């Protein structure tokens, strides 16, 4: 799992992530479940050419959904909160 595009799946654009971006210079991403903090840090630095200060991860459990008498489960996934150093900005998120 060396490719940074396989580690960082997509950015998460929610109200909470907008607040974190504005107040604490933190960005949220959906990442591969097998990736660790060091791999996430290297992938973000390589993809966006920024310096990462801190990475926090959260394992999100998939919800159980039912439709009539049938039930299923959504997939589990991992969320990463990436804090950048002072003065660093990811241009992808600006103006969203």
PDB file of N, CA and C in Angstrom:
ATOM      1  N   UNK A   1       0.851  -1.172   0.000  1.00  0.00           N
ATOM      2  CA  UNK A   1       0.000   0.000   0.000  1.00  0.00           C
ATOM      3  C   UNK A   1       0.903   1.244   0.000  1.00  0.00           C
ATOM      4  N   UNK A   2       1.667   1.422  -1.057  1.00  0.00           N
ATOM      5  CA  UNK A   2       2.601   2.533  -1.139  1.00  0.00           C
ATOM      6  C   UNK A   2       2.007   3.743  -1.841  1.00  0.00           C
ATOM      7  N   UNK A   3       1.025   3.542  -2.699  1.00  0.00           N
ATOM      8  CA  UNK A   3       0.487   4.632  -3.498  1.00  0.00           C
ATOM      9  C   UNK A   3      -0.348   5.570  -2.617  1.00  0.00           C
ATOM     10  N   UNK A   4      -0.035   6.884  -2.607  1.00  0.00           N
ATOM     11  CA  UNK A   4      -0.807   7.799  -1.757  1.00  0.00           C
ATOM     12  C   UNK A   4      -2.264   7.925  -2.170  1.00  0.00           C
ATOM     13  N   UNK A   5      -2.561   7.669  -3.448  1.00  0.00           N
ATOM     14  CA  UNK A   5      -3.951   7.732  -3.902  1.00  0.00           C
ATOM     15  C   UNK A   5      -4.774   6.567  -3.366  1.00  0.00           C
ATOM     16  N   UNK A   6      -4.130   5.474  -2.991  1.00  0.00           N
ATOM     17  CA  UNK A   6      -4.845   4.360  -2.377  1.00  0.00           C
ATOM     18  C   UNK A   6      -5.044   4.591  -0.879  1.00  0.00           C
ATOM     19  N   UNK A   7      -4.153   5.352  -0.256  1.00  0.00           N
ATOM     20  CA  UNK A   7      -4.262   5.607   1.184  1.00  0.00           C
ATOM     21  C   UNK A   7      -5.320   6.668   1.455  1.00  0.00           C
ATOM     22  N   UNK A   8      -5.235   7.821   0.785  1.00  0.00           N
ATOM     23  CA  UNK A   8      -6.205   8.899   0.965  1.00  0.00           C
ATOM     24  C   UNK A   8      -7.297   8.711  -0.080  1.00  0.00           C
ATOM     25  N   UNK A   9      -8.485   8.331   0.362  1.00  0.00           N
ATOM     26  CA  UNK A   9      -9.563   8.035  -0.575  1.00  0.00           C
ATOM     27  C   UNK A   9     -10.277   9.278  -1.068  1.00  0.00           C
ATOM     28  N   UNK A  10     -10.750  10.116  -0.103  1.00  0.00           N
ATOM     29  CA  UNK A  10     -11.493  11.321  -0.487  1.00  0.00           C
ATOM     30  C   UNK A  10     -11.532  12.271   0.696  1.00  0.00           C
ATOM     31  N   UNK A  11     -11.699  13.564   0.429  1.00  0.00           N
ATOM     32  CA  UNK A  11     -11.865  14.513   1.537  1.00  0.00           C
ATOM     33  C   UNK A  11     -13.287  14.436   2.083  1.00  0.00           C
ATOM     34  N   UNK A  12     -13.430  14.729   3.357  1.00  0.00           N
ATOM     35  CA  UNK A  12     -14.742  14.757   3.995  1.00  0.00           C
ATOM     36  C   UNK A  12     -15.155  16.209   4.181  1.00  0.00           C
ATOM     37  N   UNK A  13     -16.256  16.592   3.562  1.00  0.00           N
ATOM     38  CA  UNK A  13     -16.742  17.963   3.634  1.00  0.00           C
ATOM     39  C   UNK A  13     -18.037  17.988   4.435  1.00  0.00           C
ATOM     40  N   UNK A  14     -17.905  18.246   5.723  1.00  0.00           N
ATOM     41  CA  UNK A  14     -19.050  18.323   6.617  1.00  0.00           C
ATOM     42  C   UNK A  14     -18.955  19.625   7.405  1.00  0.00           C
ATOM     43  N   UNK A  15     -19.978  19.921   8.190  1.00  0.00           N
ATOM     44  CA  UNK A  15     -19.951  21.124   9.020  1.00  0.00           C
ATOM     45  C   UNK A  15     -18.829  21.047  10.054  1.00  0.00           C
ATOM     46  N   UNK A  16     -18.640  19.879  10.632  1.00  0.00           N
ATOM     47  CA  UNK A  16     -17.580  19.724  11.620  1.00  0.00           C
ATOM     48  C   UNK A  16     -16.205  19.907  10.984  1.00  0.00           C
ATOM     49  N   UNK A  17     -15.998  19.355   9.797  1.00  0.00           N
ATOM     50  CA  UNK A  17     -14.705  19.507   9.142  1.00  0.00           C
ATOM     51  C   UNK A  17     -14.472  20.954   8.714  1.00  0.00           C
ATOM     52  N   UNK A  18     -15.529  21.673   8.318  1.00  0.00           N
ATOM     53  CA  UNK A  18     -15.385  23.093   7.991  1.00  0.00           C
ATOM     54  C   UNK A  18     -14.962  23.893   9.221  1.00  0.00           C
ATOM     55  N   UNK A  19     -15.567  23.593  10.362  1.00  0.00           N
ATOM     56  CA  UNK A  19     -15.211  24.285  11.603  1.00  0.00           C
ATOM     57  C   UNK A  19     -13.763  23.995  11.997  1.00  0.00           C
ATOM     58  N   UNK A  20     -13.331  22.740  11.872  1.00  0.00           N
ATOM     59  CA  UNK A  20     -11.953  22.380  12.211  1.00  0.00           C
ATOM     60  C   UNK A  20     -10.964  23.050  11.264  1.00  0.00           C
ATOM     61  N   UNK A  21     -11.337  23.150  10.000  1.00  0.00           N
ATOM     62  CA  UNK A  21     -10.449  23.774   9.018  1.00  0.00           C
ATOM     63  C   UNK A  21     -10.268  25.262   9.323  1.00  0.00           C
ATOM     64  N   UNK A  22     -11.355  25.937   9.680  1.00  0.00           N
ATOM     65  CA  UNK A  22     -11.286  27.372   9.945  1.00  0.00           C
ATOM     66  C   UNK A  22     -10.606  27.691  11.273  1.00  0.00           C
ATOM     67  N   UNK A  23     -10.862  26.891  12.301  1.00  0.00           N
ATOM     68  CA  UNK A  23     -10.353  27.228  13.629  1.00  0.00           C
ATOM     69  C   UNK A  23      -8.982  26.619  13.921  1.00  0.00           C
ATOM     70  N   UNK A  24      -8.747  25.400  13.488  1.00  0.00           N
ATOM     71  CA  UNK A  24      -7.530  24.721  13.903  1.00  0.00           C
ATOM     72  C   UNK A  24      -6.615  24.283  12.789  1.00  0.00           C
ATOM     73  N   UNK A  25      -6.871  24.690  11.539  1.00  0.00           N
ATOM     74  CA  UNK A  25      -6.057  24.301  10.393  1.00  0.00           C
ATOM     75  C   UNK A  25      -5.963  22.776  10.294  1.00  0.00           C
ATOM     76  N   UNK A  26      -7.122  22.094  10.462  1.00  0.00           N
ATOM     77  CA  UNK A  26      -7.190  20.642  10.374  1.00  0.00           C
ATOM     78  C   UNK A  26      -8.089  20.254   9.211  1.00  0.00           C
ATOM     79  N   UNK A  27      -7.742  19.168   8.551  1.00  0.00           N
ATOM     80  CA  UNK A  27      -8.489  18.682   7.402  1.00  0.00           C
ATOM     81  C   UNK A  27      -8.883  17.236   7.648  1.00  0.00           C
ATOM     82  N   UNK A  28     -10.053  16.833   7.128  1.00  0.00           N
ATOM     83  CA  UNK A  28     -10.575  15.489   7.339  1.00  0.00           C
ATOM     84  C   UNK A  28     -10.560  14.720   6.023  1.00  0.00           C
ATOM     85  N   UNK A  29     -10.153  13.455   6.094  1.00  0.00           N
ATOM     86  CA  UNK A  29     -10.105  12.589   4.928  1.00  0.00           C
ATOM     87  C   UNK A  29     -10.644  11.218   5.287  1.00  0.00           C
ATOM     88  N   UNK A  30     -11.240  10.556   4.295  1.00  0.00           N
ATOM     89  CA  UNK A  30     -11.508   9.126   4.421  1.00  0.00           C
ATOM     90  C   UNK A  30     -10.276   8.415   3.910  1.00  0.00           C
ATOM     91  N   UNK A  31      -9.747   7.494   4.707  1.00  0.00           N
ATOM     92  CA  UNK A  31      -8.509   6.808   4.354  1.00  0.00           C
ATOM     93  C   UNK A  31      -8.734   5.299   4.367  1.00  0.00           C
ATOM     94  N   UNK A  32      -7.758   4.582   3.833  1.00  0.00           N
ATOM     95  CA  UNK A  32      -7.812   3.126   3.808  1.00  0.00           C
ATOM     96  C   UNK A  32      -7.771   2.593   5.239  1.00  0.00           C
ATOM     97  N   UNK A  33      -8.535   1.558   5.504  1.00  0.00           N
ATOM     98  CA  UNK A  33      -8.631   1.019   6.865  1.00  0.00           C
ATOM     99  C   UNK A  33      -7.321   0.431   7.360  1.00  0.00           C
ATOM    100  N   UNK A  34      -6.462  -0.012   6.449  1.00  0.00           N
ATOM    101  CA  UNK A  34      -5.212  -0.646   6.852  1.00  0.00           C
ATOM    102  C   UNK A  34      -4.077   0.351   7.046  1.00  0.00           C
ATOM    103  N   UNK A  35      -4.295   1.617   6.700  1.00  0.00           N
ATOM    104  CA  UNK A  35      -3.235   2.616   6.781  1.00  0.00           C
ATOM    105  C   UNK A  35      -3.019   3.073   8.221  1.00  0.00           C
ATOM    106  N   UNK A  36      -1.750   3.296   8.580  1.00  0.00           N
ATOM    107  CA  UNK A  36      -1.448   3.821   9.910  1.00  0.00           C
ATOM    108  C   UNK A  36      -1.140   5.307   9.816  1.00  0.00           C
ATOM    109  N   UNK A  37      -0.844   5.927  10.959  1.00  0.00           N
ATOM    110  CA  UNK A  37      -0.665   7.371  11.002  1.00  0.00           C
ATOM    111  C   UNK A  37       0.527   7.841  10.168  1.00  0.00           C
ATOM    112  N   UNK A  38       1.623   7.093  10.196  1.00  0.00           N
ATOM    113  CA  UNK A  38       2.798   7.490   9.420  1.00  0.00           C
ATOM    114  C   UNK A  38       2.534   7.426   7.920  1.00  0.00           C
ATOM    115  N   UNK A  39       1.827   6.398   7.468  1.00  0.00           N
ATOM    116  CA  UNK A  39       1.491   6.287   6.052  1.00  0.00           C
ATOM    117  C   UNK A  39       0.555   7.416   5.625  1.00  0.00           C
ATOM    118  N   UNK A  40      -0.401   7.765   6.471  1.00  0.00           N
ATOM    119  CA  UNK A  40      -1.333   8.850   6.157  1.00  0.00           C
ATOM    120  C   UNK A  40      -0.575  10.175   6.076  1.00  0.00           C
ATOM    121  N   UNK A  41       0.338  10.409   7.012  1.00  0.00           N
ATOM    122  CA  UNK A  41       1.123  11.641   7.017  1.00  0.00           C
ATOM    123  C   UNK A  41       1.940  11.768   5.739  1.00  0.00           C
ATOM    124  N   UNK A  42       2.637  10.715   5.352  1.00  0.00           N
ATOM    125  CA  UNK A  42       3.461  10.754   4.141  1.00  0.00           C
ATOM    126  C   UNK A  42       2.607  10.945   2.895  1.00  0.00           C
ATOM    127  N   UNK A  43       1.437  10.314   2.854  1.00  0.00           N
ATOM    128  CA  UNK A  43       0.566  10.427   1.682  1.00  0.00           C
ATOM    129  C   UNK A  43       0.035  11.846   1.532  1.00  0.00           C
ATOM    130  N   UNK A  44      -0.407  12.477   2.626  1.00  0.00           N
ATOM    131  CA  UNK A  44      -0.927  13.845   2.553  1.00  0.00           C
ATOM    132  C   UNK A  44       0.182  14.817   2.169  1.00  0.00           C
ATOM    133  N   UNK A  45       1.371  14.630   2.741  1.00  0.00           N
ATOM    134  CA  UNK A  45       2.486  15.514   2.395  1.00  0.00           C
ATOM    135  C   UNK A  45       2.869  15.378   0.931  1.00  0.00           C
ATOM    136  N   UNK A  46       2.813  14.172   0.400  1.00  0.00           N
ATOM    137  CA  UNK A  46       3.168  13.954  -1.001  1.00  0.00           C
ATOM    138  C   UNK A  46       2.089  14.463  -1.957  1.00  0.00           C
ATOM    139  N   UNK A  47       0.833  14.258  -1.621  1.00  0.00           N
ATOM    140  CA  UNK A  47      -0.258  14.661  -2.512  1.00  0.00           C
ATOM    141  C   UNK A  47      -0.449  16.169  -2.569  1.00  0.00           C
ATOM    142  N   UNK A  48      -0.355  16.844  -1.431  1.00  0.00           N
ATOM    143  CA  UNK A  48      -0.698  18.264  -1.367  1.00  0.00           C
ATOM    144  C   UNK A  48       0.493  19.187  -1.145  1.00  0.00           C
ATOM    145  N   UNK A  49       1.720  18.653  -1.043  1.00  0.00           N
ATOM    146  CA  UNK A  49       2.941  19.429  -0.830  1.00  0.00           C
ATOM    147  C   UNK A  49       2.818  20.362   0.372  1.00  0.00           C
ATOM    148  N   UNK A  50       2.423  19.800   1.513  1.00  0.00           N
ATOM    149  CA  UNK A  50       2.312  20.550   2.770  1.00  0.00           C
ATOM    150  C   UNK A  50       3.072  19.790   3.854  1.00  0.00           C
ATOM    151  N   UNK A  51       3.280  20.437   4.991  1.00  0.00           N
ATOM    152  CA  UNK A  51       3.915  19.807   6.144  1.00  0.00           C
ATOM    153  C   UNK A  51       2.856  19.492   7.192  1.00  0.00           C
ATOM    154  N   UNK A  52       2.774  18.236   7.595  1.00  0.00           N
ATOM    155  CA  UNK A  52       1.766  17.781   8.554  1.00  0.00           C
ATOM    156  C   UNK A  52       2.353  17.842   9.953  1.00  0.00           C
ATOM    157  N   UNK A  53       1.577  18.410  10.888  1.00  0.00           N
ATOM    158  CA  UNK A  53       1.987  18.503  12.279  1.00  0.00           C
ATOM    159  C   UNK A  53       1.518  17.287  13.075  1.00  0.00           C
ATOM    160  N   UNK A  54       0.256  16.870  12.862  1.00  0.00           N
ATOM    161  CA  UNK A  54      -0.325  15.796  13.670  1.00  0.00           C
ATOM    162  C   UNK A  54      -1.386  15.062  12.868  1.00  0.00           C
ATOM    163  N   UNK A  55      -1.509  13.761  13.123  1.00  0.00           N
ATOM    164  CA  UNK A  55      -2.551  12.947  12.498  1.00  0.00           C
ATOM    165  C   UNK A  55      -3.301  12.211  13.598  1.00  0.00           C
ATOM    166  N   UNK A  56      -4.626  12.327  13.575  1.00  0.00           N
ATOM    167  CA  UNK A  56      -5.483  11.551  14.473  1.00  0.00           C
ATOM    168  C   UNK A  56      -6.407  10.710  13.613  1.00  0.00           C
ATOM    169  N   UNK A  57      -6.685   9.486  14.029  1.00  0.00           N
ATOM    170  CA  UNK A  57      -7.542   8.603  13.250  1.00  0.00           C
ATOM    171  C   UNK A  57      -8.718   8.127  14.083  1.00  0.00           C
ATOM    172  N   UNK A  58      -9.788   7.797  13.382  1.00  0.00           N
ATOM    173  CA  UNK A  58     -10.996   7.302  14.038  1.00  0.00           C
ATOM    174  C   UNK A  58     -11.554   6.186  13.173  1.00  0.00           C
ATOM    175  N   UNK A  59     -11.770   5.022  13.773  1.00  0.00           N
ATOM    176  CA  UNK A  59     -12.408   3.916  13.075  1.00  0.00           C
ATOM    177  C   UNK A  59     -13.914   4.070  13.220  1.00  0.00           C
ATOM    178  N   UNK A  60     -14.611   4.144  12.086  1.00  0.00           N
ATOM    179  CA  UNK A  60     -16.058   4.355  12.078  1.00  0.00           C
ATOM    180  C   UNK A  60     -16.730   3.026  11.765  1.00  0.00           C
ATOM    181  N   UNK A  61     -17.630   2.611  12.636  1.00  0.00           N
ATOM    182  CA  UNK A  61     -18.358   1.368  12.439  1.00  0.00           C
ATOM    183  C   UNK A  61     -19.504   1.596  11.456  1.00  0.00           C
ATOM    184  N   UNK A  62     -19.707   0.654  10.543  1.00  0.00           N
ATOM    185  CA  UNK A  62     -20.797   0.754   9.587  1.00  0.00           C
ATOM    186  C   UNK A  62     -22.144   0.545  10.257  1.00  0.00           C
ATOM    187  N   UNK A  63     -23.134   1.280   9.795  1.00  0.00           N
ATOM    188  CA  UNK A  63     -24.459   1.183  10.384  1.00  0.00           C
ATOM    189  C   UNK A  63     -25.196  -0.037   9.855  1.00  0.00           C
ATOM    190  N   UNK A  64     -26.107  -0.557  10.668  1.00  0.00           N
ATOM    191  CA  UNK A  64     -26.979  -1.642  10.243  1.00  0.00           C
ATOM    192  C   UNK A  64     -28.228  -1.014   9.651  1.00  0.00           C
ATOM    193  N   UNK A  65     -28.521  -1.344   8.424  1.00  0.00           N
ATOM    194  CA  UNK A  65     -29.668  -0.791   7.720  1.00  0.00           C
ATOM    195  C   UNK A  65     -30.632  -1.924   7.384  1.00  0.00           C
ATOM    196  N   UNK A  66     -31.923  -1.615   7.442  1.00  0.00           N
ATOM    197  CA  UNK A  66     -32.912  -2.626   7.087  1.00  0.00           C
ATOM    198  C   UNK A  66     -33.897  -2.041   6.087  1.00  0.00           C
ATOM    199  N   UNK A  67     -34.374  -2.907   5.212  1.00  0.00           N
ATOM    200  CA  UNK A  67     -35.382  -2.525   4.239  1.00  0.00           C
ATOM    201  C   UNK A  67     -36.419  -3.642   4.233  1.00  0.00           C
ATOM    202  N   UNK A  68     -37.532  -3.387   4.890  1.00  0.00           N
ATOM    203  CA  UNK A  68     -38.528  -4.438   5.044  1.00  0.00           C
ATOM    204  C   UNK A  68     -38.016  -5.484   6.011  1.00  0.00           C
ATOM    205  N   UNK A  69     -38.060  -6.723   5.595  1.00  0.00           N
ATOM    206  CA  UNK A  69     -37.579  -7.782   6.482  1.00  0.00           C
ATOM    207  C   UNK A  69     -36.112  -8.121   6.251  1.00  0.00           C
ATOM    208  N   UNK A  70     -35.478  -7.469   5.296  1.00  0.00           N
ATOM    209  CA  UNK A  70     -34.073  -7.719   4.992  1.00  0.00           C
ATOM    210  C   UNK A  70     -33.204  -6.678   5.697  1.00  0.00           C
ATOM    211  N   UNK A  71     -32.100  -7.133   6.218  1.00  0.00           N
ATOM    212  CA  UNK A  71     -31.175  -6.204   6.862  1.00  0.00           C
ATOM    213  C   UNK A  71     -29.772  -6.451   6.333  1.00  0.00           C
ATOM    214  N   UNK A  72     -28.996  -5.405   6.364  1.00  0.00           N
ATOM    215  CA  UNK A  72     -27.617  -5.486   5.910  1.00  0.00           C
ATOM    216  C   UNK A  72     -26.771  -4.517   6.711  1.00  0.00           C
ATOM    217  N   UNK A  73     -25.508  -4.472   6.393  1.00  0.00           N
ATOM    218  CA  UNK A  73     -24.579  -3.634   7.138  1.00  0.00           C
ATOM    219  C   UNK A  73     -23.721  -2.855   6.162  1.00  0.00           C
ATOM    220  N   UNK A  74     -23.568  -1.557   6.425  1.00  0.00           N
ATOM    221  CA  UNK A  74     -22.652  -0.748   5.636  1.00  0.00           C
ATOM    222  C   UNK A  74     -21.217  -1.080   6.040  1.00  0.00           C
ATOM    223  N   UNK A  75     -20.299  -0.782   5.170  1.00  0.00           N
ATOM    224  CA  UNK A  75     -18.901  -1.115   5.418  1.00  0.00           C
ATOM    225  C   UNK A  75     -18.301  -0.223   6.504  1.00  0.00           C
ATOM    226  N   UNK A  76     -17.374  -0.786   7.291  1.00  0.00           N
ATOM    227  CA  UNK A  76     -16.611   0.004   8.242  1.00  0.00           C
ATOM    228  C   UNK A  76     -15.585   0.827   7.462  1.00  0.00           C
ATOM    229  N   UNK A  77     -15.200   1.998   8.011  1.00  0.00           N
ATOM    230  CA  UNK A  77     -14.230   2.835   7.335  1.00  0.00           C
ATOM    231  C   UNK A  77     -13.419   3.619   8.348  1.00  0.00           C
ATOM    232  N   UNK A  78     -12.369   4.270   7.895  1.00  0.00           N
ATOM    233  CA  UNK A  78     -11.474   5.014   8.779  1.00  0.00           C
ATOM    234  C   UNK A  78     -11.440   6.473   8.363  1.00  0.00           C
ATOM    235  N   UNK A  79     -11.483   7.341   9.364  1.00  0.00           N
ATOM    236  CA  UNK A  79     -11.457   8.787   9.167  1.00  0.00           C
ATOM    237  C   UNK A  79     -10.154   9.312   9.760  1.00  0.00           C
ATOM    238  N   UNK A  80      -9.501  10.238   9.046  1.00  0.00           N
ATOM    239  CA  UNK A  80      -8.252  10.827   9.521  1.00  0.00           C
ATOM    240  C   UNK A  80      -8.411  12.334   9.652  1.00  0.00           C
ATOM    241  N   UNK A  81      -7.989  12.873  10.798  1.00  0.00           N
ATOM    242  CA  UNK A  81      -7.943  14.310  11.030  1.00  0.00           C
ATOM    243  C   UNK A  81      -6.479  14.725  10.937  1.00  0.00           C
ATOM    244  N   UNK A  82      -6.149  15.535   9.929  1.00  0.00           N
ATOM    245  CA  UNK A  82      -4.767  15.911   9.666  1.00  0.00           C
ATOM    246  C   UNK A  82      -4.589  17.385  10.016  1.00  0.00           C
ATOM    247  N   UNK A  83      -3.716  17.668  10.980  1.00  0.00           N
ATOM    248  CA  UNK A  83      -3.413  19.043  11.376  1.00  0.00           C
ATOM    249  C   UNK A  83      -2.138  19.476  10.674  1.00  0.00           C
ATOM    250  N   UNK A  84      -2.192  20.641  10.023  1.00  0.00           N
ATOM    251  CA  UNK A  84      -1.042  21.162   9.299  1.00  0.00           C
ATOM    252  C   UNK A  84      -0.276  22.155  10.157  1.00  0.00           C
ATOM    253  N   UNK A  85       0.971  22.394   9.775  1.00  0.00           N
ATOM    254  CA  UNK A  85       1.790  23.376  10.474  1.00  0.00           C
ATOM    255  C   UNK A  85       1.285  24.782  10.169  1.00  0.00           C
ATOM    256  N   UNK A  86       1.745  25.743  10.958  1.00  0.00           N
ATOM    257  CA  UNK A  86       1.329  27.136  10.787  1.00  0.00           C
ATOM    258  C   UNK A  86       1.698  27.639   9.398  1.00  0.00           C
ATOM    259  N   UNK A  87       0.759  28.304   8.757  1.00  0.00           N
ATOM    260  CA  UNK A  87       0.997  28.873   7.437  1.00  0.00           C
ATOM    261  C   UNK A  87       0.738  27.934   6.281  1.00  0.00           C
ATOM    262  N   UNK A  88       0.514  26.664   6.549  1.00  0.00           N
ATOM    263  CA  UNK A  88       0.255  25.681   5.489  1.00  0.00           C
ATOM    264  C   UNK A  88      -1.238  25.651   5.181  1.00  0.00           C
ATOM    265  N   UNK A  89      -1.580  25.523   3.895  1.00  0.00           N
ATOM    266  CA  UNK A  89      -2.975  25.490   3.458  1.00  0.00           C
ATOM    267  C   UNK A  89      -3.087  24.503   2.314  1.00  0.00           C
ATOM    268  N   UNK A  90      -4.163  23.724   2.294  1.00  0.00           N
ATOM    269  CA  UNK A  90      -4.477  22.865   1.155  1.00  0.00           C
ATOM    270  C   UNK A  90      -5.428  23.644   0.270  1.00  0.00           C
ATOM    271  N   UNK A  91      -5.003  23.964  -0.937  1.00  0.00           N
ATOM    272  CA  UNK A  91      -5.770  24.829  -1.838  1.00  0.00           C
ATOM    273  C   UNK A  91      -7.070  24.184  -2.295  1.00  0.00           C
ATOM    274  N   UNK A  92      -7.143  22.870  -2.261  1.00  0.00           N
ATOM    275  CA  UNK A  92      -8.346  22.150  -2.692  1.00  0.00           C
ATOM    276  C   UNK A  92      -9.562  22.564  -1.880  1.00  0.00           C
ATOM    277  N   UNK A  93      -9.369  22.861  -0.596  1.00  0.00           N
ATOM    278  CA  UNK A  93     -10.492  23.158   0.287  1.00  0.00           C
ATOM    279  C   UNK A  93     -10.871  24.620   0.317  1.00  0.00           C
ATOM    280  N   UNK A  94     -10.015  25.501  -0.149  1.00  0.00           N
ATOM    281  CA  UNK A  94     -10.292  26.926  -0.060  1.00  0.00           C
ATOM    282  C   UNK A  94     -11.383  27.310  -1.039  1.00  0.00           C
ATOM    283  N   UNK A  95     -12.371  28.071  -0.566  1.00  0.00           N
ATOM    284  CA  UNK A  95     -13.468  28.506  -1.409  1.00  0.00           C
ATOM    285  C   UNK A  95     -14.610  27.507  -1.520  1.00  0.00           C
ATOM    286  N   UNK A  96     -14.561  26.435  -0.733  1.00  0.00           N
ATOM    287  CA  UNK A  96     -15.631  25.434  -0.783  1.00  0.00           C
ATOM    288  C   UNK A  96     -16.722  25.841   0.166  1.00  0.00           C
TER     289      UNK A  96
END
